[in-house]
C-alpha atoms as a PDB file:
ATOM      1  CA  MET A   1       0.000   0.000   0.000  1.00  0.00           C
ATOM      2  CA  GLN A   2       1.180   3.527  -0.764  1.00  0.00           C
ATOM      3  CA  ASP A   3      -0.165   7.037  -0.259  1.00  0.00           C
ATOM      4  CA  GLY A   4      -0.696   9.397  -3.181  1.00  0.00           C
ATOM      5  CA  SER A   5       2.532  11.133  -4.195  1.00  0.00           C
ATOM      6  CA  GLY A   6       1.369  14.510  -5.409  1.00  0.00           C
ATOM      7  CA  GLY A   7      -1.032  16.592  -7.444  1.00  0.00           C
ATOM      8  CA  GLU A   8      -4.228  18.220  -6.266  1.00  0.00           C
ATOM      9  CA  VAL A   9      -5.735  15.005  -4.949  1.00  0.00           C
ATOM     10  CA  VAL A  10      -4.034  12.899  -2.267  1.00  0.00           C
ATOM     11  CA  ASN A  11      -5.690   9.502  -2.018  1.00  0.00           C
ATOM     12  CA  GLU A  12      -5.885   7.159   0.939  1.00  0.00           C
ATOM     13  CA  PRO A  13      -3.329   4.346   0.799  1.00  0.00           C
ATOM     14  CA  THR A  14      -3.789   2.277  -2.342  1.00  0.00           C
ATOM     15  CA  LEU A  15      -2.307  -0.904  -3.743  1.00  0.00           C
ATOM     16  CA  VAL A  16       1.023  -0.876  -5.543  1.00  0.00           C
ATOM     17  CA  PRO A  17       2.839  -3.967  -6.897  1.00  0.00           C
ATOM     18  CA  VAL A  18       6.438  -4.286  -5.709  1.00  0.00           C
ATOM     19  CA  LEU A  19       9.266  -6.417  -7.045  1.00  0.00           C
ATOM     20  CA  ARG A  20      10.196  -9.590  -5.204  1.00  0.00           C
ATOM     21  CA  THR A  21      12.791 -12.140  -6.304  1.00  0.00           C
ATOM     22  CA  VAL A  22      12.171 -15.685  -5.087  1.00  0.00           C
ATOM     23  CA  PRO A  23      13.965 -18.968  -5.823  1.00  0.00           C
ATOM     24  CA  LYS A  24      12.681 -20.933  -8.801  1.00  0.00           C
ATOM     25  CA  SER A  25      10.049 -23.317  -7.479  1.00  0.00           C
ATOM     26  CA  PRO A  26       6.838 -25.091  -8.526  1.00  0.00           C
ATOM     27  CA  THR A  27       5.186 -23.365  -5.532  1.00  0.00           C
ATOM     28  CA  THR A  28       5.615 -19.772  -6.692  1.00  0.00           C
ATOM     29  CA  ALA A  29       2.296 -18.667  -5.171  1.00  0.00           C
ATOM     30  CA  THR A  30       3.498 -19.868  -1.768  1.00  0.00           C
ATOM     31  CA  ALA A  31       6.744 -17.937  -2.174  1.00  0.00           C
ATOM     32  CA  ALA A  32       4.832 -14.807  -3.213  1.00  0.00           C
ATOM     33  CA  MET A  33       2.554 -15.054  -0.183  1.00  0.00           C
ATOM     34  CA  LYS A  34       5.483 -15.489   2.197  1.00  0.00           C
ATOM     35  CA  ALA A  35       7.137 -12.417   0.658  1.00  0.00           C
ATOM     36  CA  LEU A  36       3.909 -10.452   1.134  1.00  0.00           C
ATOM     37  CA  LEU A  37       3.610 -11.485   4.774  1.00  0.00           C
ATOM     38  CA  ALA A  38       7.239 -10.501   5.408  1.00  0.00           C
ATOM     39  CA  GLY A  39       6.250  -6.897   4.715  1.00  0.00           C
ATOM     40  CA  PRO A  40       8.034  -4.021   2.967  1.00  0.00           C
ATOM     41  CA  SER A  41      11.815  -3.878   2.733  1.00  0.00           C
ATOM     42  CA  ALA A  42      13.814  -1.133   4.457  1.00  0.00           C
ATOM     43  CA  LYS A  43      14.191   0.654   1.107  1.00  0.00           C
ATOM     44  CA  GLU A  44      10.451   0.530   0.505  1.00  0.00           C
ATOM     45  CA  ARG A  45       9.646   1.815   3.999  1.00  0.00           C
ATOM     46  CA  ALA A  46      12.098   4.687   3.525  1.00  0.00           C
ATOM     47  CA  ALA A  47      10.638   5.715   0.148  1.00  0.00           C
ATOM     48  CA  ARG A  48       8.623   8.900  -0.243  1.00  0.00           C
ATOM     49  CA  PRO A  49       5.783   8.110  -0.112  1.00  0.00           C
ATOM     50  CA  PRO A  50       6.606   4.945   1.830  1.00  0.00           C
ATOM     51  CA  ILE A  51       5.402   1.444   1.035  1.00  0.00           C
ATOM     52  CA  GLN A  52       3.258   0.099   3.872  1.00  0.00           C
ATOM     53  CA  THR A  53       1.334  -3.054   4.650  1.00  0.00           C
ATOM     54  CA  LEU A  54      -2.006  -3.509   6.378  1.00  0.00           C
ATOM     55  CA  ILE A  55      -1.205  -7.125   7.271  1.00  0.00           C
ATOM     56  CA  PRO A  56      -0.421  -7.494  10.996  1.00  0.00           C
ATOM     57  CA  ALA A  57       3.072  -8.563  12.013  1.00  0.00           C
ATOM     58  CA  GLY A  58       3.234 -12.223  12.948  1.00  0.00           C
ATOM     59  CA  SER A  59       0.692 -13.355  10.337  1.00  0.00           C
ATOM     60  CA  LYS A  60       1.723 -16.753   8.993  1.00  0.00           C
ATOM     61  CA  LEU A  61       0.879 -18.753   5.902  1.00  0.00           C
ATOM     62  CA  LEU A  62      -0.462 -22.175   6.843  1.00  0.00           C
ATOM     63  CA  GLY A  63      -1.198 -23.420   3.332  1.00  0.00           C
ATOM     64  CA  ILE A  64      -2.451 -22.718  -0.198  1.00  0.00           C
ATOM     65  CA  GLU A  65      -4.544 -24.914  -2.472  1.00  0.00           C
ATOM     66  CA  ILE A  66      -5.142 -23.957  -6.124  1.00  0.00           C
ATOM     67  CA  SER A  67      -7.736 -25.721  -8.247  1.00  0.00           C
ATOM     68  CA  GLY A  68      -9.846 -24.584 -11.200  1.00  0.00           C
ATOM     69  CA  GLY A  69      -8.791 -20.957 -10.874  1.00  0.00           C
ATOM     70  CA  LEU A  70      -9.626 -20.821  -7.146  1.00  0.00           C
ATOM     71  CA  ALA A  71      -6.870 -20.251  -4.585  1.00  0.00           C
ATOM     72  CA  THR A  72      -7.791 -21.174  -1.021  1.00  0.00           C
ATOM     73  CA  VAL A  73      -5.323 -19.548   1.344  1.00  0.00           C
ATOM     74  CA  ASP A  74      -5.033 -20.578   4.995  1.00  0.00           C
ATOM     75  CA  LEU A  75      -3.627 -17.940   7.355  1.00  0.00           C
ATOM     76  CA  SER A  76      -2.914 -17.782  11.057  1.00  0.00           C
ATOM     77  CA  ALA A  77      -5.228 -15.994  13.499  1.00  0.00           C
ATOM     78  CA  GLU A  78      -2.956 -12.937  13.589  1.00  0.00           C
ATOM     79  CA  PHE A  79      -4.130 -12.032  10.086  1.00  0.00           C
ATOM     80  CA  ALA A  80      -7.561 -11.075  11.480  1.00  0.00           C
ATOM     81  CA  SER A  81      -6.275  -9.052  14.426  1.00  0.00           C
ATOM     82  CA  LEU A  82      -7.078  -5.366  14.748  1.00  0.00           C
ATOM     83  CA  SER A  83      -5.316  -2.847  16.959  1.00  0.00           C
ATOM     84  CA  PRO A  84      -7.468  -0.904  19.467  1.00  0.00           C
ATOM     85  CA  ASP A  85      -6.359   2.362  17.849  1.00  0.00           C
ATOM     86  CA  ASP A  86      -7.543   1.267  14.405  1.00  0.00           C
ATOM     87  CA  ALA A  87     -10.837   0.029  15.782  1.00  0.00           C
ATOM     88  CA  ALA A  88     -11.435   3.267  17.693  1.00  0.00           C
ATOM     89  CA  SER A  89     -10.464   5.531  14.793  1.00  0.00           C
ATOM     90  CA  GLY A  90     -12.774   3.908  12.272  1.00  0.00           C
ATOM     91  CA  PHE A  91      -9.762   2.720  10.239  1.00  0.00           C
ATOM     92  CA  GLY A  92     -10.531  -0.876  11.164  1.00  0.00           C
ATOM     93  CA  VAL A  93     -12.760  -1.822   8.223  1.00  0.00           C
ATOM     94  CA  PHE A  94     -10.392  -0.128   5.766  1.00  0.00           C
ATOM     95  CA  SER A  95      -7.457  -2.047   7.262  1.00  0.00           C
ATOM     96  CA  LEU A  96      -9.247  -5.393   7.220  1.00  0.00           C
ATOM     97  CA  ARG A  97     -10.527  -5.086   3.666  1.00  0.00           C
ATOM     98  CA  GLY A  98      -7.162  -3.722   2.580  1.00  0.00           C
ATOM     99  CA  ARG A  99      -5.237  -6.725   3.845  1.00  0.00           C
ATOM    100  CA  LEU A 100      -7.671  -9.015   2.045  1.00  0.00           C
ATOM    101  CA  ALA A 101      -7.055  -6.983  -1.120  1.00  0.00           C
ATOM    102  CA  GLN A 102      -3.285  -7.376  -0.713  1.00  0.00           C
ATOM    103  CA  VAL A 103      -3.633 -11.155  -0.626  1.00  0.00           C
ATOM    104  CA  VAL A 104      -6.069 -11.242  -3.554  1.00  0.00           C
ATOM    105  CA  TYR A 105      -3.892  -9.078  -5.809  1.00  0.00           C
ATOM    106  CA  THR A 106      -0.799 -11.077  -4.867  1.00  0.00           C
ATOM    107  CA  LEU A 107      -2.348 -14.433  -5.765  1.00  0.00           C
ATOM    108  CA  THR A 108      -4.283 -13.336  -8.852  1.00  0.00           C
ATOM    109  CA  GLN A 109      -1.127 -12.116 -10.562  1.00  0.00           C
ATOM    110  CA  PHE A 110      -0.745 -15.773 -11.576  1.00  0.00           C
ATOM    111  CA  THR A 111      -2.694 -17.024 -14.599  1.00  0.00           C
ATOM    112  CA  THR A 112      -3.820 -20.084 -12.629  1.00  0.00           C
ATOM    113  CA  VAL A 113      -5.758 -17.938 -10.118  1.00  0.00           C
ATOM    114  CA  ASP A 114      -8.741 -15.653 -10.741  1.00  0.00           C
ATOM    115  CA  ARG A 115     -10.498 -15.787  -7.347  1.00  0.00           C
ATOM    116  CA  VAL A 116      -9.577 -16.389  -3.715  1.00  0.00           C
ATOM    117  CA  SER A 117     -11.176 -17.960  -0.643  1.00  0.00           C
ATOM    118  CA  PHE A 118      -9.842 -17.581   2.884  1.00  0.00           C
ATOM    119  CA  LYS A 119      -9.298 -19.855   5.848  1.00  0.00           C
ATOM    120  CA  LEU A 120      -8.082 -18.955   9.338  1.00  0.00           C
ATOM    121  CA  GLU A 121      -6.327 -21.673  11.318  1.00  0.00           C
ATOM    122  CA  GLY A 122      -7.718 -24.259   8.900  1.00  0.00           C
ATOM    123  CA  LYS A 123     -11.366 -23.146   9.146  1.00  0.00           C
ATOM    124  CA  PRO A 124     -13.199 -21.568   6.156  1.00  0.00           C
ATOM    125  CA  VAL A 125     -13.986 -17.892   6.713  1.00  0.00           C
ATOM    126  CA  LYS A 126     -17.541 -16.775   5.961  1.00  0.00           C
ATOM    127  CA  VAL A 127     -17.489 -13.650   8.145  1.00  0.00           C
ATOM    128  CA  PHE A 128     -14.131 -11.942   8.619  1.00  0.00           C
ATOM    129  CA  SER A 129     -13.294 -10.385  11.988  1.00  0.00           C
ATOM    130  CA  SER A 130     -15.606  -8.731  14.504  1.00  0.00           C
ATOM    131  CA  GLU A 131     -16.320  -6.136  11.811  1.00  0.00           C
ATOM    132  CA  GLU A 132     -18.391  -8.852  10.092  1.00  0.00           C
ATOM    133  CA  ILE A 133     -16.950  -8.504   6.599  1.00  0.00           C
ATOM    134  CA  GLY A 134     -18.719 -11.063   4.437  1.00  0.00           C
ATOM    135  CA  LEU A 135     -16.582 -13.702   2.719  1.00  0.00           C
ATOM    136  CA  ASN A 136     -19.306 -16.234   1.964  1.00  0.00           C
ATOM    137  CA  LYS A 137     -18.097 -16.524  -1.631  1.00  0.00           C
ATOM    138  CA  PRO A 138     -14.704 -16.236  -3.357  1.00  0.00           C
ATOM    139  CA  VAL A 139     -13.432 -12.705  -3.956  1.00  0.00           C
ATOM    140  CA  THR A 140     -11.662 -11.294  -7.004  1.00  0.00           C
ATOM    141  CA  ARG A 141      -9.623  -8.257  -7.990  1.00  0.00           C
ATOM    142  CA  ALA A 142     -12.831  -6.452  -8.922  1.00  0.00           C
ATOM    143  CA  THR A 143     -14.090  -6.845  -5.335  1.00  0.00           C
ATOM    144  CA  TYR A 144     -11.509  -4.328  -4.116  1.00  0.00           C
ATOM    145  CA  ARG A 145     -10.857  -2.333  -7.281  1.00  0.00           C
ATOM    146  CA  ASP A 146     -12.916   0.791  -6.565  1.00  0.00           C
ATOM    147  CA  ARG A 147     -11.729   1.208  -2.971  1.00  0.00           C
ATOM    148  CA  TYR A 148      -8.081   0.177  -3.096  1.00  0.00           C
ATOM    149  CA  LEU A 149      -6.700   1.033  -6.522  1.00  0.00           C
ATOM    150  CA  PRO A 150      -5.359   4.457  -7.453  1.00  0.00           C
ATOM    151  CA  LEU A 151      -7.172   6.049 -10.386  1.00  0.00           C
ATOM    152  CA  ILE A 152      -4.206   5.014 -12.546  1.00  0.00           C
ATOM    153  CA  PHE A 153      -2.934   1.590 -11.476  1.00  0.00           C
ATOM    154  CA  VAL A 154       0.326   0.425 -13.021  1.00  0.00           C
ATOM    155  CA  ASP A 155       0.368  -3.370 -12.725  1.00  0.00           C
ATOM    156  CA  ARG A 156       3.647  -3.849 -14.600  1.00  0.00           C
ATOM    157  CA  PRO A 157       6.425  -2.904 -14.216  1.00  0.00           C
ATOM    158  CA  ALA A 158       6.299  -3.285 -10.454  1.00  0.00           C
ATOM    159  CA  TRP A 159       7.777  -0.736  -8.038  1.00  0.00           C
ATOM    160  CA  GLY A 160      11.552  -1.255  -8.196  1.00  0.00           C
ATOM    161  CA  ALA A 161      11.503  -3.504 -11.289  1.00  0.00           C
ATOM    162  CA  ALA A 162      13.415  -3.172 -14.557  1.00  0.00           C
ATOM    163  CA  ASP A 163      11.787  -1.236 -17.387  1.00  0.00           C
ATOM    164  CA  PRO A 164      13.976  -1.717 -20.485  1.00  0.00           C
ATOM    165  CA  SER A 165      13.444   0.525 -23.490  1.00  0.00           C
ATOM    166  CA  GLY A 166      10.632  -0.864 -25.625  1.00  0.00           C
ATOM    167  CA  SER A 167       8.935  -2.787 -22.821  1.00  0.00           C
ATOM    168  CA  HIS A 168       5.227  -2.714 -22.044  1.00  0.00           C
ATOM    169  CA  ILE A 169       3.560  -0.706 -19.287  1.00  0.00           C
ATOM    170  CA  VAL A 170       0.194  -2.215 -18.422  1.00  0.00           C
ATOM    171  CA  GLY A 171      -2.552  -1.554 -15.925  1.00  0.00           C
ATOM    172  CA  LEU A 172      -5.989  -0.092 -15.277  1.00  0.00           C
ATOM    173  CA  ALA A 173      -7.295   3.472 -15.228  1.00  0.00           C
ATOM    174  CA  ASN A 174     -10.549   5.207 -14.343  1.00  0.00           C
ATOM    175  CA  VAL A 175     -10.046   8.793 -15.492  1.00  0.00           C
ATOM    176  CA  PHE A 176     -11.921  11.471 -17.420  1.00  0.00           C
ATOM    177  CA  GLU A 177     -12.436  10.461 -21.046  1.00  0.00           C
ATOM    178  CA  ALA A 178     -10.061   7.531 -20.411  1.00  0.00           C
ATOM    179  CA  GLN A 179      -7.003   9.720 -21.095  1.00  0.00           C
ATOM    180  CA  PHE A 180      -3.941  10.312 -18.927  1.00  0.00           C
ATOM    181  CA  ARG A 181      -0.177  10.644 -19.285  1.00  0.00           C
ATOM    182  CA  ILE A 182       2.821   8.397 -18.667  1.00  0.00           C
ATOM    183  CA  ALA A 183       6.422   9.588 -18.536  1.00  0.00           C
ATOM    184  CA  LEU A 184       9.834   8.075 -17.878  1.00  0.00           C
ATOM    185  CA  LEU A 185      12.527  10.213 -16.239  1.00  0.00           C
ATOM    186  CA  ASP A 186      16.252   9.476 -15.953  1.00  0.00           C
ATOM    187  CA  ARG A 187      18.219   9.617 -12.693  1.00  0.00           C
ATOM    188  CA  THR A 188      18.593  13.412 -12.961  1.00  0.00           C
ATOM    189  CA  GLY A 189      14.866  13.945 -13.474  1.00  0.00           C
ATOM    190  CA  LYS A 190      15.166  14.618 -17.209  1.00  0.00           C
ATOM    191  CA  VAL A 191      12.095  13.480 -19.140  1.00  0.00           C
ATOM    192  CA  LEU A 192      13.034  10.723 -21.586  1.00  0.00           C
ATOM    193  CA  VAL A 193       9.561  10.129 -22.981  1.00  0.00           C
ATOM    194  CA  ASP A 194       6.109  11.575 -22.246  1.00  0.00           C
ATOM    195  CA  ARG A 195       3.015  10.013 -23.804  1.00  0.00           C
ATOM    196  CA  GLN A 196      -0.713  10.534 -23.701  1.00  0.00           C
ATOM    197  CA  VAL A 197      -2.433   7.202 -23.115  1.00  0.00           C
ATOM    198  CA  THR A 198      -6.036   6.200 -23.751  1.00  0.00           C
ATOM    199  CA  ALA A 199      -7.476   3.357 -21.701  1.00  0.00           C
ATOM    200  CA  THR A 200     -10.232   1.113 -23.018  1.00  0.00           C
ATOM    201  CA  CYS A 201     -12.796   2.843 -20.776  1.00  0.00           C
ATOM    202  CA  GLY A 202     -13.000   5.916 -18.582  1.00  0.00           C
ATOM    203  CA  THR A 203     -15.162   8.538 -16.829  1.00  0.00           C
ATOM    204  CA  GLY A 204     -16.678   6.208 -14.279  1.00  0.00           C
ATOM    205  CA  CYS A 205     -15.433   2.852 -15.545  1.00  0.00           C
ATOM    206  CA  TRP A 206     -12.151   0.981 -15.399  1.00  0.00           C
ATOM    207  CA  GLY A 207     -10.275   0.532 -18.660  1.00  0.00           C
ATOM    208  CA  ARG A 208      -7.134  -1.390 -19.470  1.00  0.00           C
ATOM    209  CA  PHE A 209      -4.034   0.148 -20.983  1.00  0.00           C
ATOM    210  CA  ASN A 210      -0.958  -1.376 -22.565  1.00  0.00           C
ATOM    211  CA  VAL A 211       1.629   1.044 -23.925  1.00  0.00           C
ATOM    212  CA  THR A 212       5.197   0.586 -25.153  1.00  0.00           C
ATOM    213  CA  LEU A 213       7.708   3.293 -24.231  1.00  0.00           C
ATOM    214  CA  SER A 214      11.083   3.497 -25.985  1.00  0.00           C
ATOM    215  CA  TYR A 215      13.877   5.835 -24.944  1.00  0.00           C
ATOM    216  CA  ASP A 216      17.581   6.547 -25.493  1.00  0.00           C
ATOM    217  CA  LEU A 217      20.129   6.333 -22.684  1.00  0.00           C
ATOM    218  CA  PRO A 218      23.921   5.946 -22.716  1.00  0.00           C
ATOM    219  CA  ILE A 219      23.970   3.574 -19.706  1.00  0.00           C
ATOM    220  CA  ALA A 220      21.545   1.655 -17.513  1.00  0.00           C
ATOM    221  CA  GLN A 221      20.409   3.560 -14.434  1.00  0.00           C
ATOM    222  CA  TRP A 222      17.643   4.043 -11.917  1.00  0.00           C
ATOM    223  CA  GLY A 223      14.883   6.354 -13.047  1.00  0.00           C
ATOM    224  CA  THR A 224      11.250   7.170 -12.406  1.00  0.00           C
ATOM    225  CA  LEU A 225       7.980   6.050 -13.950  1.00  0.00           C
ATOM    226  CA  ARG A 226       5.340   8.769 -13.525  1.00  0.00           C
ATOM    227  CA  VAL A 227       1.613   8.576 -14.326  1.00  0.00           C
ATOM    228  CA  TRP A 228      -0.920  11.360 -13.893  1.00  0.00           C
ATOM    229  CA  ASP A 229      -4.168  12.871 -15.068  1.00  0.00           C
ATOM    230  CA  ILE A 230      -4.912  16.530 -15.847  1.00  0.00           C
ATOM    231  CA  SER A 231      -7.755  18.208 -13.955  1.00  0.00           C
ATOM    232  CA  GLU A 232     -10.518  19.291 -16.317  1.00  0.00           C
ATOM    233  CA  TYR A 233     -11.222  22.192 -13.952  1.00  0.00           C
ATOM    234  CA  SER A 234      -7.785  23.625 -13.138  1.00  0.00           C
ATOM    235  CA  GLY A 235      -5.525  22.072 -15.755  1.00  0.00           C
ATOM    236  CA  LYS A 236      -3.183  20.896 -12.979  1.00  0.00           C
ATOM    237  CA  PRO A 237      -1.866  17.344 -12.449  1.00  0.00           C
ATOM    238  CA  VAL A 238      -4.048  15.025 -10.368  1.00  0.00           C
ATOM    239  CA  ALA A 239      -3.860  11.349  -9.408  1.00  0.00           C
ATOM    240  CA  VAL A 240      -0.053  11.492  -9.638  1.00  0.00           C
ATOM    241  CA  ARG A 241       1.872   8.278  -8.950  1.00  0.00           C
ATOM    242  CA  GLU A 242       5.637   7.769  -9.175  1.00  0.00           C
ATOM    243  CA  TYR A 243       7.658   4.550  -9.019  1.00  0.00           C
ATOM    244  CA  PRO A 244      11.398   3.845  -9.152  1.00  0.00           C
ATOM    245  CA  VAL A 245      12.285   1.652 -12.145  1.00  0.00           C
ATOM    246  CA  TYR A 246      15.586   0.437 -13.528  1.00  0.00           C
ATOM    247  CA  LEU A 247      16.072   1.810 -17.021  1.00  0.00           C
ATOM    248  CA  ARG A 248      18.036  -0.144 -19.601  1.00  0.00           C
ATOM    249  CA  PRO A 249      18.740   1.129 -23.137  1.00  0.00           C
ATOM    250  CA  SER A 250      18.118  -1.018 -26.174  1.00  0.00           C
ATOM    251  CA  PRO A 251      21.026  -3.377 -27.084  1.00  0.00           C
END
């Protein structure tokens, strides 16, 4: 999860994919879940805005079963815990739904999974936590899309991943007339490429986008991927998101 990084509108924390490298294994979903439960790295926590997690410390993965597109994930009781401060502040429901969203988006990145069911300590969950969040049927990415995605959600490349020249940038957007901008900046902040992008739907609906950005650089280096919309009222940037990416020139 990450706060908005600028513009006129600052959103509540929203989902952001982050890069994780795990050993090659037939149980990649298990490795991805363990990486999620381990929480953000020191670099991610120190970023501005920082990467956070809504999953309580001490939450453990007890098992995953995948069959027919359904992932059933079994987690320890800590996963459902809620701090007194969160419960008192009204942040509790947001935190609980948000941690469910983190798990769902982690597991559904794999083509073998399109929906998720939850267990706690081996028992199927129909009502989650004392906040009585219904889980009587499998949940999908769309379940949490409106509440936990930024208006421009970059699915790939992930935060901290490589973005070689000519690679694809893909995701979802829900912006006015389906149009927004994507730019890549080098390590000095110089704009390498700036493109207007049109998603497949907009102005109240989520549309997909898939754009290829090519650029020239003398050497590989860390840079920034920036996405934003332009306010139809003020003409200023809104829904701004920025991610570090590793830029590599074409061979």
